[in-house]
Amino acid sequence: MRRNRHGHNVTLRQRTSARPRTRLRFNIGGFEAEGFDLRLSRGRIHYRRTVGPCPGPSPQVIRSTEEQWRQFWLEVDRIGVWAWLPEYVNPNVLDGTQWSLELRYGERKVKSEGSNLYPGSTESTTPPTHRSPNSCVPSPHSPANPKSPPTRHPKPTSCLGR
């Protein structure tokens, strides 16, 4: 038992709000390349940078407002995420960028993943613009900002044992 926001005792399985069940998991990266991992847990987004198979520092916790969530789910609907295929693979690239997405909002669910291919792209296109995890503005070192210098990261030798 615990108390909800109104001071009533509730069991952990009892839902006290009309808010739909939600799930958000997303990761993108590649071997010895920078990536990131997002997970929604208890209403908060946990964001972690990664380099190759090595996890980065402790995850940052991002709190979002109800309005930000409303805008997020509207954007998910607008770009057609619910209709994404389970898998997108470019067989002409043996290494590169892998990604996965798992979303749930109420009864709507999608699980999709890819390797060097993305929804709405062809084998000759590049990945969608990398964006910061808590905004709709391209990050300063993204393909949308060609004047920015590329970010260089050291090889993750410490966790690879090399």
Protein backbone atom coordinates (compact mmCIF):
# COMPACT_ATOMS: atom_id res chain seq x y z
CA MET A 1 0.00 0.00 0.00
CA ARG A 2 1.00 3.58 -0.60
CA ARG A 3 -0.73 6.93 -0.68
CA ASN A 4 -1.66 8.54 -3.97
CA ARG A 5 -1.48 12.29 -4.61
CA HIS A 6 -4.91 12.73 -2.95
CA GLY A 7 -3.84 10.98 0.25
CA HIS A 8 -5.84 7.79 -0.35
CA ASN A 9 -4.30 4.38 0.29
CA VAL A 10 -3.88 2.41 -2.95
CA THR A 11 -2.25 -0.87 -3.86
CA LEU A 12 0.58 -0.70 -6.36
CA ARG A 13 -1.53 -2.47 -9.00
CA GLN A 14 -4.47 -0.09 -8.70
CA ARG A 15 -4.37 2.76 -11.23
CA THR A 16 -5.49 6.05 -9.74
CA SER A 17 -5.51 8.28 -12.80
CA ALA A 18 -7.07 8.31 -16.22
CA ARG A 19 -3.59 8.62 -17.73
CA PRO A 20 -3.02 5.84 -20.29
CA ARG A 21 -0.29 3.24 -19.86
CA THR A 22 2.88 4.48 -21.50
CA ARG A 23 6.19 2.94 -22.45
CA LEU A 24 9.16 4.55 -24.13
CA ARG A 25 12.45 2.87 -24.94
CA PHE A 26 14.78 4.09 -27.65
CA ASN A 27 18.43 3.52 -28.42
CA ILE A 28 20.71 4.28 -31.30
CA GLY A 29 24.43 3.71 -31.80
CA GLY A 30 27.05 1.58 -33.40
CA PHE A 31 30.34 -0.13 -32.67
CA GLU A 32 32.84 2.46 -31.39
CA ALA A 33 30.37 5.25 -32.26
CA GLU A 34 28.50 7.64 -30.02
CA GLY A 35 24.91 6.77 -29.31
CA PHE A 36 22.27 7.17 -26.67
CA ASP A 37 19.66 5.27 -24.77
CA LEU A 38 16.31 6.67 -23.55
CA ARG A 39 13.98 4.88 -21.14
CA LEU A 40 10.82 6.04 -19.45
CA SER A 41 10.60 4.92 -15.84
CA ARG A 42 8.06 6.13 -13.28
CA GLY A 43 7.16 9.16 -15.37
CA ARG A 44 10.75 10.29 -15.90
CA ILE A 45 13.02 9.92 -18.90
CA HIS A 46 16.43 8.44 -18.20
CA TYR A 47 18.94 9.50 -20.88
CA ARG A 48 22.41 7.95 -21.19
CA ARG A 49 25.11 8.58 -23.77
CA THR A 50 27.03 5.54 -24.94
CA VAL A 51 30.17 4.91 -26.98
CA GLY A 52 30.04 1.58 -28.75
CA PRO A 53 29.20 -1.22 -26.31
CA CYS A 54 30.28 0.91 -23.31
CA PRO A 55 27.65 2.66 -21.23
CA GLY A 56 28.33 6.30 -20.54
CA PRO A 57 28.12 8.05 -17.20
CA SER A 58 25.09 7.73 -14.97
CA PRO A 59 21.86 8.53 -16.79
CA GLN A 60 20.49 12.05 -16.71
CA VAL A 61 16.91 12.26 -15.50
CA ILE A 62 14.67 14.47 -17.61
CA ARG A 63 11.31 15.61 -16.28
CA SER A 64 8.69 16.59 -18.83
CA THR A 65 5.53 18.59 -18.38
CA GLU A 66 2.07 17.33 -19.33
CA GLU A 67 2.14 19.77 -22.27
CA GLN A 68 5.48 18.38 -23.51
CA TRP A 69 4.06 14.84 -23.35
CA ARG A 70 0.93 15.97 -25.19
CA GLN A 71 3.10 17.47 -27.95
CA PHE A 72 5.27 14.34 -28.06
CA TRP A 73 2.31 11.99 -28.59
CA LEU A 74 0.82 14.35 -31.21
CA GLU A 75 4.14 14.23 -33.09
CA VAL A 76 4.25 10.42 -32.83
CA ASP A 77 0.78 10.34 -34.43
CA ARG A 78 1.69 12.96 -37.06
CA ILE A 79 4.74 11.09 -38.37
CA GLY A 80 2.98 7.73 -38.37
CA VAL A 81 5.12 5.85 -35.84
CA TRP A 82 2.29 3.40 -35.08
CA ALA A 83 2.55 2.09 -38.66
CA TRP A 84 6.31 1.53 -38.64
CA LEU A 85 7.49 -1.91 -39.73
CA PRO A 86 9.05 -4.23 -37.15
CA GLU A 87 12.42 -4.13 -38.95
CA TYR A 88 14.41 -1.87 -41.29
CA VAL A 89 17.70 -3.31 -42.55
CA ASN A 90 20.10 -2.16 -45.24
CA PRO A 91 21.81 -5.38 -46.37
CA ASN A 92 24.49 -3.39 -48.24
CA VAL A 93 26.10 -2.11 -45.03
CA LEU A 94 27.76 -4.60 -42.71
CA ASP A 95 28.44 -2.21 -39.85
CA GLY A 96 27.14 1.20 -38.96
CA THR A 97 24.19 2.42 -36.96
CA GLN A 98 21.65 0.25 -35.20
CA TRP A 99 18.54 1.54 -33.46
CA SER A 100 15.43 0.28 -31.71
CA LEU A 101 12.19 1.87 -30.53
CA GLU A 102 9.46 0.53 -28.29
CA LEU A 103 6.44 2.76 -27.63
CA ARG A 104 3.12 2.24 -25.94
CA TYR A 105 0.36 4.74 -25.34
CA GLY A 106 -2.83 3.20 -24.03
CA GLU A 107 -3.68 0.29 -26.31
CA ARG A 108 -1.42 1.49 -29.15
CA LYS A 109 1.98 -0.21 -29.35
CA VAL A 110 4.91 -0.36 -31.73
CA LYS A 111 8.26 -2.18 -31.67
CA SER A 112 10.62 -1.31 -34.48
CA GLU A 113 14.35 -1.66 -35.04
CA GLY A 114 16.84 -1.13 -37.77
CA SER A 115 20.36 -1.37 -39.03
CA ASN A 116 21.47 1.43 -41.37
CA LEU A 117 17.90 1.99 -42.58
CA TYR A 118 15.10 4.10 -41.11
CA PRO A 119 11.35 4.53 -41.62
CA GLY A 120 10.71 6.62 -44.70
CA SER A 121 14.26 6.20 -46.00
CA THR A 122 15.86 4.21 -48.76
CA GLU A 123 19.23 2.47 -48.80
CA SER A 124 20.82 5.65 -50.20
CA THR A 125 19.62 8.08 -47.53
CA THR A 126 21.21 9.07 -44.26
CA PRO A 127 19.67 8.78 -40.79
CA PRO A 128 17.13 11.30 -39.55
CA THR A 129 18.50 14.44 -37.90
CA HIS A 130 19.86 13.67 -34.46
CA ARG A 131 17.98 15.75 -31.94
CA SER A 132 18.55 16.46 -28.30
CA PRO A 133 16.39 14.18 -26.13
CA ASN A 134 14.27 16.87 -24.52
CA SER A 135 13.58 19.26 -27.38
CA CYS A 136 12.58 19.41 -31.01
CA VAL A 137 15.64 21.49 -31.92
CA PRO A 138 18.53 19.84 -33.78
CA SER A 139 21.59 19.39 -31.61
CA PRO A 140 24.51 21.73 -32.42
CA HIS A 141 26.59 18.88 -33.88
CA SER A 142 23.94 17.39 -36.13
CA PRO A 143 23.70 16.93 -39.89
CA ALA A 144 21.18 19.80 -39.83
CA ASN A 145 24.01 22.14 -38.77
CA PRO A 146 26.76 21.52 -41.36
CA LYS A 147 29.00 24.34 -40.06
CA SER A 148 29.46 22.67 -36.69
CA PRO A 149 32.65 20.68 -36.21
CA PRO A 150 32.24 16.91 -35.99
CA THR A 151 32.34 15.52 -32.49
CA ARG A 152 35.32 13.26 -31.90
CA HIS A 153 35.25 10.65 -29.17
CA PRO A 154 38.10 8.48 -27.95
CA LYS A 155 37.89 4.80 -28.68
CA PRO A 156 36.32 2.98 -25.73
CA THR A 157 39.40 0.89 -24.99
CA SER A 158 38.87 0.68 -21.24
CA CYS A 159 35.66 -1.35 -21.38
CA LEU A 160 36.66 -3.40 -24.41
CA GLY A 161 39.78 -4.71 -22.70
CA ARG A 162 42.13 -3.47 -25.41
